[in-house]
Amino acid sequence: MPEKDVEEIKDEIYSSFSNTASSIGYDEIHGRIIAALIMDGEEMSLQELSKETGYSSSSISLSLDLLEVLGIIEKVKKKGDRKLYVRMEGDILQGLKQAIVIQLQKTIASTVESLDVREEKLVSMSSKESDNVLKGLRTLNKEMGRLEKYVDKLSQVEIPERD
């Protein structure tokens, strides 16, 4: 198989994985980095990741910070080598779960805060129309509470073991 065909197939694999990562809240670049590290099977330098994913070293570097915080990758320095290397560290599914839960919790907190501000405004208005809107807003707030409980339970779901 010609080298160009192999590179096209790898790019399709990276794109597919990055689409999956994007659908759950990661940026495409995160999916491409993870796919490249998994496909390579070994640690890669920042420059190798840049070449492999098609993103600049600075974009890769910024994205690695999040993946490191989530415990998916580890940054490594080698003695006598100034390059930064990256390797898969943790369980990718655990990291994905953590990212989903964190994103949901941030969104819920932001929404609840926004609803609370609006509730204060509506309470001060005291009209028939504002009372109707206030009633609906309070119902939404209760649903947000339910969603928050659901996300808490979701965060406790155990990730299946690797085969």
N, C-alpha and C. Protein backbone atom coordinates (compact mmCIF):
# COMPACT_ATOMS: atom_id res chain seq x y z
N MET A 1 0.86 -1.18 0.00
CA MET A 1 0.00 0.00 0.00
C MET A 1 0.90 1.24 0.00
N PRO A 2 0.66 2.16 -0.92
CA PRO A 2 1.49 3.37 -0.96
C PRO A 2 1.42 4.14 0.35
N GLU A 3 2.55 4.81 0.68
CA GLU A 3 2.66 5.57 1.93
C GLU A 3 1.55 6.61 2.06
N LYS A 4 1.18 7.26 0.96
CA LYS A 4 0.13 8.28 1.00
C LYS A 4 -1.20 7.67 1.45
N ASP A 5 -1.50 6.46 0.97
CA ASP A 5 -2.75 5.81 1.37
C ASP A 5 -2.77 5.52 2.87
N VAL A 6 -1.63 5.10 3.42
CA VAL A 6 -1.54 4.81 4.85
C VAL A 6 -1.77 6.10 5.64
N GLU A 7 -1.15 7.19 5.21
CA GLU A 7 -1.33 8.47 5.89
C GLU A 7 -2.79 8.94 5.83
N GLU A 8 -3.45 8.73 4.71
CA GLU A 8 -4.86 9.10 4.58
C GLU A 8 -5.73 8.28 5.53
N ILE A 9 -5.42 7.00 5.65
CA ILE A 9 -6.18 6.13 6.56
C ILE A 9 -5.96 6.57 8.01
N LYS A 10 -4.71 6.87 8.37
CA LYS A 10 -4.43 7.36 9.72
C LYS A 10 -5.20 8.65 9.99
N ASP A 11 -5.21 9.55 9.02
CA ASP A 11 -5.92 10.81 9.19
C ASP A 11 -7.41 10.56 9.37
N GLU A 12 -7.97 9.60 8.64
CA GLU A 12 -9.40 9.24 8.80
C GLU A 12 -9.66 8.69 10.20
N ILE A 13 -8.73 7.88 10.70
CA ILE A 13 -8.87 7.33 12.05
C ILE A 13 -8.84 8.45 13.07
N TYR A 14 -7.87 9.35 12.95
CA TYR A 14 -7.77 10.48 13.86
C TYR A 14 -9.03 11.34 13.80
N SER A 15 -9.53 11.58 12.60
CA SER A 15 -10.74 12.39 12.44
C SER A 15 -11.94 11.72 13.10
N SER A 16 -12.08 10.41 12.90
CA SER A 16 -13.19 9.69 13.52
C SER A 16 -13.12 9.78 15.03
N PHE A 17 -11.94 9.57 15.57
CA PHE A 17 -11.79 9.62 17.02
C PHE A 17 -12.01 11.03 17.54
N SER A 18 -11.52 12.03 16.81
CA SER A 18 -11.71 13.41 17.27
C SER A 18 -13.17 13.82 17.20
N ASN A 19 -13.93 13.27 16.23
CA ASN A 19 -15.38 13.53 16.18
C ASN A 19 -16.07 12.96 17.40
N THR A 20 -15.66 11.77 17.80
CA THR A 20 -16.23 11.16 19.00
C THR A 20 -15.89 12.01 20.22
N ALA A 21 -14.63 12.43 20.32
CA ALA A 21 -14.21 13.27 21.44
C ALA A 21 -14.99 14.58 21.45
N SER A 22 -15.20 15.16 20.28
CA SER A 22 -15.94 16.43 20.18
C SER A 22 -17.38 16.27 20.65
N SER A 23 -17.96 15.12 20.37
CA SER A 23 -19.37 14.92 20.72
C SER A 23 -19.59 14.87 22.23
N ILE A 24 -18.53 14.66 22.99
CA ILE A 24 -18.69 14.60 24.44
C ILE A 24 -17.98 15.77 25.14
N GLY A 25 -17.65 16.80 24.38
CA GLY A 25 -17.16 18.00 25.02
C GLY A 25 -15.69 18.32 24.87
N TYR A 26 -14.91 17.42 24.32
CA TYR A 26 -13.51 17.74 24.05
C TYR A 26 -13.42 18.54 22.77
N ASP A 27 -12.30 19.22 22.58
CA ASP A 27 -12.01 19.83 21.29
C ASP A 27 -11.46 18.75 20.37
N GLU A 28 -11.56 19.00 19.07
CA GLU A 28 -11.03 18.03 18.10
C GLU A 28 -9.57 17.71 18.37
N ILE A 29 -8.81 18.72 18.73
CA ILE A 29 -7.37 18.53 18.95
C ILE A 29 -7.10 17.49 20.04
N HIS A 30 -7.94 17.48 21.09
CA HIS A 30 -7.76 16.50 22.16
C HIS A 30 -7.94 15.08 21.62
N GLY A 31 -8.97 14.90 20.80
CA GLY A 31 -9.21 13.59 20.21
C GLY A 31 -8.07 13.16 19.31
N ARG A 32 -7.52 14.10 18.53
CA ARG A 32 -6.40 13.77 17.64
C ARG A 32 -5.15 13.41 18.44
N ILE A 33 -4.90 14.13 19.52
CA ILE A 33 -3.73 13.82 20.36
C ILE A 33 -3.87 12.43 20.95
N ILE A 34 -5.02 12.13 21.53
CA ILE A 34 -5.24 10.82 22.15
C ILE A 34 -5.11 9.72 21.10
N ALA A 35 -5.74 9.92 19.94
CA ALA A 35 -5.67 8.91 18.88
C ALA A 35 -4.23 8.68 18.44
N ALA A 36 -3.47 9.76 18.27
CA ALA A 36 -2.07 9.62 17.84
C ALA A 36 -1.25 8.85 18.87
N LEU A 37 -1.46 9.16 20.15
CA LEU A 37 -0.71 8.46 21.20
C LEU A 37 -1.09 6.98 21.27
N ILE A 38 -2.37 6.69 21.12
CA ILE A 38 -2.81 5.30 21.16
C ILE A 38 -2.29 4.55 19.94
N MET A 39 -2.41 5.16 18.77
CA MET A 39 -1.96 4.51 17.54
C MET A 39 -0.45 4.26 17.56
N ASP A 40 0.32 5.23 18.06
CA ASP A 40 1.77 5.10 18.10
C ASP A 40 2.19 4.07 19.15
N GLY A 41 1.46 4.06 20.26
CA GLY A 41 1.74 3.08 21.30
C GLY A 41 2.90 3.41 22.21
N GLU A 42 3.61 4.49 21.92
CA GLU A 42 4.74 4.88 22.75
C GLU A 42 4.67 6.37 23.01
N GLU A 43 5.61 6.86 23.81
CA GLU A 43 5.63 8.30 24.04
C GLU A 43 6.08 9.01 22.77
N MET A 44 5.56 10.21 22.61
CA MET A 44 5.89 11.01 21.43
C MET A 44 6.34 12.39 21.88
N SER A 45 7.23 12.99 21.10
CA SER A 45 7.65 14.35 21.41
C SER A 45 6.55 15.31 20.98
N LEU A 46 6.61 16.51 21.52
CA LEU A 46 5.66 17.56 21.16
C LEU A 46 5.70 17.80 19.64
N GLN A 47 6.89 17.80 19.08
CA GLN A 47 7.05 18.01 17.64
C GLN A 47 6.43 16.86 16.83
N GLU A 48 6.62 15.63 17.30
CA GLU A 48 6.03 14.48 16.61
C GLU A 48 4.50 14.55 16.66
N LEU A 49 3.96 14.93 17.82
CA LEU A 49 2.52 15.08 17.94
C LEU A 49 1.99 16.17 17.02
N SER A 50 2.74 17.24 16.92
CA SER A 50 2.36 18.34 16.03
C SER A 50 2.29 17.86 14.58
N LYS A 51 3.33 17.17 14.17
CA LYS A 51 3.38 16.64 12.79
C LYS A 51 2.26 15.62 12.56
N GLU A 52 2.06 14.76 13.52
CA GLU A 52 1.08 13.67 13.38
C GLU A 52 -0.36 14.18 13.36
N THR A 53 -0.64 15.21 14.15
CA THR A 53 -2.03 15.70 14.27
C THR A 53 -2.35 16.84 13.32
N GLY A 54 -1.30 17.52 12.83
CA GLY A 54 -1.54 18.66 11.95
C GLY A 54 -1.78 19.96 12.70
N TYR A 55 -1.58 19.96 14.00
CA TYR A 55 -1.74 21.17 14.81
C TYR A 55 -0.36 21.71 15.18
N SER A 56 -0.30 23.01 15.46
CA SER A 56 0.97 23.64 15.84
C SER A 56 1.40 23.13 17.22
N SER A 57 2.70 23.23 17.47
CA SER A 57 3.24 22.82 18.78
C SER A 57 2.60 23.61 19.92
N SER A 58 2.35 24.90 19.69
CA SER A 58 1.75 25.71 20.77
C SER A 58 0.32 25.26 21.05
N SER A 59 -0.44 24.92 20.00
CA SER A 59 -1.81 24.41 20.22
C SER A 59 -1.78 23.07 20.94
N ILE A 60 -0.85 22.22 20.54
CA ILE A 60 -0.70 20.91 21.19
C ILE A 60 -0.36 21.12 22.67
N SER A 61 0.59 21.99 22.93
CA SER A 61 1.03 22.24 24.30
C SER A 61 -0.12 22.68 25.20
N LEU A 62 -0.93 23.62 24.72
CA LEU A 62 -2.09 24.08 25.50
C LEU A 62 -3.07 22.94 25.76
N SER A 63 -3.30 22.13 24.75
CA SER A 63 -4.27 21.04 24.88
C SER A 63 -3.76 19.94 25.81
N LEU A 64 -2.47 19.76 25.86
CA LEU A 64 -1.90 18.74 26.74
C LEU A 64 -2.16 19.06 28.21
N ASP A 65 -2.23 20.35 28.53
CA ASP A 65 -2.48 20.74 29.92
C ASP A 65 -3.79 20.14 30.43
N LEU A 66 -4.86 20.26 29.63
CA LEU A 66 -6.14 19.69 30.05
C LEU A 66 -6.07 18.17 30.15
N LEU A 67 -5.47 17.54 29.16
CA LEU A 67 -5.38 16.08 29.17
C LEU A 67 -4.56 15.59 30.36
N GLU A 68 -3.58 16.38 30.76
CA GLU A 68 -2.77 16.02 31.92
C GLU A 68 -3.59 16.17 33.21
N VAL A 69 -4.35 17.25 33.32
CA VAL A 69 -5.19 17.46 34.50
C VAL A 69 -6.20 16.32 34.64
N LEU A 70 -6.73 15.85 33.51
CA LEU A 70 -7.70 14.76 33.54
C LEU A 70 -7.04 13.40 33.77
N GLY A 71 -5.71 13.36 33.81
CA GLY A 71 -4.99 12.12 34.08
C GLY A 71 -4.90 11.19 32.88
N ILE A 72 -5.11 11.73 31.68
CA ILE A 72 -5.08 10.89 30.48
C ILE A 72 -3.66 10.76 29.94
N ILE A 73 -2.89 11.84 30.03
CA ILE A 73 -1.52 11.81 29.52
C ILE A 73 -0.56 12.24 30.62
N GLU A 74 0.70 11.98 30.38
CA GLU A 74 1.75 12.45 31.27
C GLU A 74 2.83 13.08 30.40
N LYS A 75 3.32 14.25 30.83
CA LYS A 75 4.43 14.92 30.16
C LYS A 75 5.72 14.41 30.78
N VAL A 76 6.71 14.15 29.93
CA VAL A 76 7.95 13.55 30.40
C VAL A 76 9.14 14.31 29.80
N LYS A 77 10.15 14.54 30.61
CA LYS A 77 11.43 15.08 30.14
C LYS A 77 12.47 13.98 30.29
N LYS A 78 13.35 13.88 29.30
CA LYS A 78 14.42 12.88 29.34
C LYS A 78 15.75 13.58 29.63
N LYS A 79 16.60 12.93 30.40
CA LYS A 79 17.90 13.50 30.71
C LYS A 79 18.68 13.72 29.42
N GLY A 80 19.26 14.91 29.34
CA GLY A 80 20.09 15.23 28.19
C GLY A 80 19.31 15.58 26.93
N ASP A 81 17.99 15.64 27.03
CA ASP A 81 17.14 15.95 25.88
C ASP A 81 16.23 17.10 26.28
N ARG A 82 16.21 18.15 25.49
CA ARG A 82 15.40 19.32 25.84
C ARG A 82 13.95 19.18 25.40
N LYS A 83 13.65 18.15 24.63
CA LYS A 83 12.29 17.98 24.11
C LYS A 83 11.33 17.55 25.21
N LEU A 84 10.08 17.92 25.01
CA LEU A 84 9.01 17.47 25.89
C LEU A 84 8.37 16.25 25.24
N TYR A 85 8.20 15.19 26.00
CA TYR A 85 7.57 13.98 25.49
C TYR A 85 6.25 13.77 26.21
N VAL A 86 5.36 13.06 25.55
CA VAL A 86 4.03 12.81 26.09
C VAL A 86 3.71 11.32 25.93
N ARG A 87 3.08 10.77 26.95
CA ARG A 87 2.64 9.36 26.85
C ARG A 87 1.27 9.22 27.49
N MET A 88 0.56 8.22 27.06
CA MET A 88 -0.73 7.90 27.68
C MET A 88 -0.43 7.46 29.10
N GLU A 89 -1.23 7.95 30.02
CA GLU A 89 -0.96 7.65 31.42
C GLU A 89 -2.12 6.89 32.05
N GLY A 90 -3.25 7.51 32.08
CA GLY A 90 -4.39 6.93 32.79
C GLY A 90 -5.34 6.22 31.86
N ASP A 91 -6.47 5.92 32.40
CA ASP A 91 -7.52 5.26 31.64
C ASP A 91 -8.29 6.31 30.86
N ILE A 92 -8.32 6.15 29.57
CA ILE A 92 -8.97 7.14 28.70
C ILE A 92 -10.45 7.28 29.03
N LEU A 93 -11.12 6.19 29.34
CA LEU A 93 -12.55 6.27 29.67
C LEU A 93 -12.77 7.00 30.99
N GLN A 94 -11.89 6.78 31.93
CA GLN A 94 -12.00 7.49 33.22
C GLN A 94 -11.83 8.99 32.98
N GLY A 95 -10.87 9.35 32.14
CA GLY A 95 -10.67 10.76 31.81
C GLY A 95 -11.85 11.37 31.09
N LEU A 96 -12.41 10.60 30.15
CA LEU A 96 -13.58 11.08 29.42
C LEU A 96 -14.77 11.27 30.36
N LYS A 97 -14.95 10.31 31.25
CA LYS A 97 -16.04 10.41 32.23
C LYS A 97 -15.86 11.65 33.09
N GLN A 98 -14.64 11.86 33.55
CA GLN A 98 -14.37 13.01 34.40
C GLN A 98 -14.63 14.31 33.63
N ALA A 99 -14.23 14.36 32.37
CA ALA A 99 -14.45 15.56 31.56
C ALA A 99 -15.94 15.83 31.38
N ILE A 100 -16.71 14.78 31.12
CA ILE A 100 -18.16 14.93 30.95
C ILE A 100 -18.79 15.45 32.22
N VAL A 101 -18.44 14.84 33.34
CA VAL A 101 -19.02 15.23 34.63
C VAL A 101 -18.66 16.67 34.97
N ILE A 102 -17.40 17.04 34.78
CA ILE A 102 -16.96 18.41 35.08
C ILE A 102 -17.72 19.41 34.21
N GLN A 103 -17.84 19.10 32.92
CA GLN A 103 -18.55 20.01 32.01
C GLN A 103 -20.02 20.15 32.42
N LEU A 104 -20.66 19.05 32.73
CA LEU A 104 -22.06 19.10 33.15
C LEU A 104 -22.22 19.89 34.45
N GLN A 105 -21.34 19.65 35.40
CA GLN A 105 -21.43 20.36 36.68
C GLN A 105 -21.24 21.87 36.49
N LYS A 106 -20.30 22.26 35.63
CA LYS A 106 -20.08 23.68 35.37
C LYS A 106 -21.31 24.30 34.70
N THR A 107 -21.88 23.60 33.75
CA THR A 107 -23.06 24.11 33.04
C THR A 107 -24.25 24.24 33.98
N ILE A 108 -24.46 23.24 34.81
CA ILE A 108 -25.57 23.27 35.77
C ILE A 108 -25.39 24.43 36.74
N ALA A 109 -24.19 24.57 37.29
CA ALA A 109 -23.93 25.66 38.25
C ALA A 109 -24.17 27.02 37.61
N SER A 110 -23.73 27.18 36.39
CA SER A 110 -23.92 28.44 35.68
C SER A 110 -25.40 28.72 35.44
N THR A 111 -26.14 27.70 35.05
CA THR A 111 -27.57 27.85 34.80
C THR A 111 -28.32 28.19 36.08
N VAL A 112 -28.02 27.49 37.16
CA VAL A 112 -28.68 27.75 38.44
C VAL A 112 -28.38 29.18 38.90
N GLU A 113 -27.14 29.61 38.76
CA GLU A 113 -26.78 30.97 39.13
C GLU A 113 -27.58 31.99 38.31
N SER A 114 -27.69 31.74 37.03
CA SER A 114 -28.45 32.63 36.14
C SER A 114 -29.93 32.66 36.52
N LEU A 115 -30.48 31.50 36.84
CA LEU A 115 -31.90 31.44 37.24
C LEU A 115 -32.12 32.17 38.56
N ASP A 116 -31.17 32.03 39.49
CA ASP A 116 -31.29 32.71 40.78
C ASP A 116 -31.32 34.23 40.62
N VAL A 117 -30.47 34.74 39.74
CA VAL A 117 -30.44 36.19 39.49
C VAL A 117 -31.77 36.65 38.93
N ARG A 118 -32.30 35.89 38.00
CA ARG A 118 -33.58 36.26 37.39
C ARG A 118 -34.73 36.14 38.38
N GLU A 119 -34.63 35.17 39.28
CA GLU A 119 -35.67 35.01 40.30
C GLU A 119 -35.72 36.25 41.19
N GLU A 120 -34.56 36.73 41.58
CA GLU A 120 -34.53 37.94 42.41
C GLU A 120 -35.20 39.11 41.70
N LYS A 121 -34.94 39.27 40.42
CA LYS A 121 -35.54 40.36 39.65
C LYS A 121 -37.06 40.20 39.58
N LEU A 122 -37.50 38.97 39.32
CA LEU A 122 -38.95 38.72 39.20
C LEU A 122 -39.67 38.95 40.52
N VAL A 123 -39.06 38.54 41.63
CA VAL A 123 -39.68 38.73 42.95
C VAL A 123 -39.90 40.21 43.21
N SER A 124 -38.96 41.04 42.81
CA SER A 124 -39.09 42.47 43.05
C SER A 124 -40.14 43.13 42.15
N MET A 125 -40.51 42.49 41.06
CA MET A 125 -41.47 43.09 40.12
C MET A 125 -42.91 42.95 40.60
N SER A 126 -43.27 41.81 41.12
CA SER A 126 -44.58 41.54 41.68
C SER A 126 -45.76 42.01 40.82
N SER A 127 -45.94 41.30 39.71
CA SER A 127 -47.13 41.51 38.88
C SER A 127 -47.65 40.13 38.49
N LYS A 128 -48.83 40.08 37.91
CA LYS A 128 -49.40 38.79 37.52
C LYS A 128 -48.50 38.08 36.51
N GLU A 129 -48.01 38.84 35.55
CA GLU A 129 -47.13 38.26 34.52
C GLU A 129 -45.81 37.77 35.14
N SER A 130 -45.23 38.59 36.03
CA SER A 130 -43.96 38.19 36.64
C SER A 130 -44.18 36.99 37.57
N ASP A 131 -45.35 36.91 38.22
CA ASP A 131 -45.65 35.76 39.09
C ASP A 131 -45.73 34.47 38.27
N ASN A 132 -46.30 34.53 37.07
CA ASN A 132 -46.39 33.35 36.20
C ASN A 132 -45.00 32.91 35.74
N VAL A 133 -44.18 33.88 35.36
CA VAL A 133 -42.82 33.57 34.92
C VAL A 133 -42.02 33.01 36.10
N LEU A 134 -42.23 33.60 37.27
CA LEU A 134 -41.54 33.14 38.48
C LEU A 134 -41.90 31.69 38.80
N LYS A 135 -43.15 31.35 38.64
CA LYS A 135 -43.60 29.97 38.88
C LYS A 135 -42.88 29.01 37.93
N GLY A 136 -42.81 29.37 36.66
CA GLY A 136 -42.10 28.52 35.69
C GLY A 136 -40.61 28.43 36.00
N LEU A 137 -40.03 29.55 36.38
CA LEU A 137 -38.61 29.57 36.72
C LEU A 137 -38.32 28.65 37.91
N ARG A 138 -39.17 28.67 38.89
CA ARG A 138 -38.98 27.80 40.06
C ARG A 138 -39.10 26.33 39.68
N THR A 139 -39.97 26.03 38.74
CA THR A 139 -40.08 24.66 38.24
C THR A 139 -38.78 24.26 37.53
N LEU A 140 -38.24 25.17 36.72
CA LEU A 140 -36.96 24.90 36.05
C LEU A 140 -35.85 24.68 37.07
N ASN A 141 -35.85 25.46 38.12
CA ASN A 141 -34.84 25.30 39.17
C ASN A 141 -34.92 23.92 39.82
N LYS A 142 -36.14 23.44 40.05
CA LYS A 142 -36.31 22.09 40.62
C LYS A 142 -35.77 21.03 39.66
N GLU A 143 -36.02 21.23 38.36
CA GLU A 143 -35.52 20.27 37.36
C GLU A 143 -33.99 20.30 37.32
N MET A 144 -33.41 21.48 37.50
CA MET A 144 -31.95 21.58 37.55
C MET A 144 -31.42 20.81 38.76
N GLY A 145 -32.15 20.85 39.87
CA GLY A 145 -31.77 20.08 41.05
C GLY A 145 -31.78 18.59 40.76
N ARG A 146 -32.80 18.16 40.03
CA ARG A 146 -32.88 16.74 39.63
C ARG A 146 -31.70 16.38 38.73
N LEU A 147 -31.39 17.27 37.79
CA LEU A 147 -30.27 17.03 36.88
C LEU A 147 -28.96 16.95 37.65
N GLU A 148 -28.82 17.80 38.64
CA GLU A 148 -27.61 17.79 39.46
C GLU A 148 -27.47 16.45 40.19
N LYS A 149 -28.56 15.92 40.72
CA LYS A 149 -28.53 14.61 41.39
C LYS A 149 -28.16 13.51 40.40
N TYR A 150 -28.70 13.61 39.18
CA TYR A 150 -28.39 12.63 38.14
C TYR A 150 -26.89 12.64 37.81
N VAL A 151 -26.33 13.83 37.66
CA VAL A 151 -24.91 13.95 37.33
C VAL A 151 -24.06 13.41 38.48
N ASP A 152 -24.49 13.65 39.71
CA ASP A 152 -23.78 13.07 40.86
C ASP A 152 -23.76 11.55 40.79
N LYS A 153 -24.89 10.97 40.44
CA LYS A 153 -24.96 9.50 40.30
C LYS A 153 -24.11 9.03 39.11
N LEU A 154 -24.15 9.79 38.02
CA LEU A 154 -23.35 9.47 36.85
C LEU A 154 -21.87 9.46 37.19
N SER A 155 -21.45 10.37 38.05
CA SER A 155 -20.03 10.45 38.43
C SER A 155 -19.59 9.22 39.22
N GLN A 156 -20.54 8.47 39.77
CA GLN A 156 -20.22 7.28 40.56
C GLN A 156 -20.21 6.00 39.74
N VAL A 157 -20.61 6.09 38.47
CA VAL A 157 -20.63 4.90 37.62
C VAL A 157 -19.21 4.41 37.40
N GLU A 158 -19.02 3.11 37.55
CA GLU A 158 -17.69 2.54 37.38
C GLU A 158 -17.43 2.25 35.91
N ILE A 159 -16.20 2.50 35.50
CA ILE A 159 -15.77 2.25 34.13
C ILE A 159 -15.46 0.76 33.99
N PRO A 160 -15.92 0.11 32.91
CA PRO A 160 -15.61 -1.32 32.71
C PRO A 160 -14.10 -1.57 32.62
N GLU A 161 -13.68 -2.69 33.13
CA GLU A 161 -12.26 -3.08 33.07
C GLU A 161 -11.87 -3.36 31.62
N ARG A 162 -10.59 -3.18 31.32
CA ARG A 162 -10.06 -3.52 30.00
C ARG A 162 -10.00 -5.04 29.86
N ASP A 163 -10.16 -5.47 28.63
CA ASP A 163 -10.06 -6.93 28.37
C ASP A 163 -8.62 -7.40 28.40
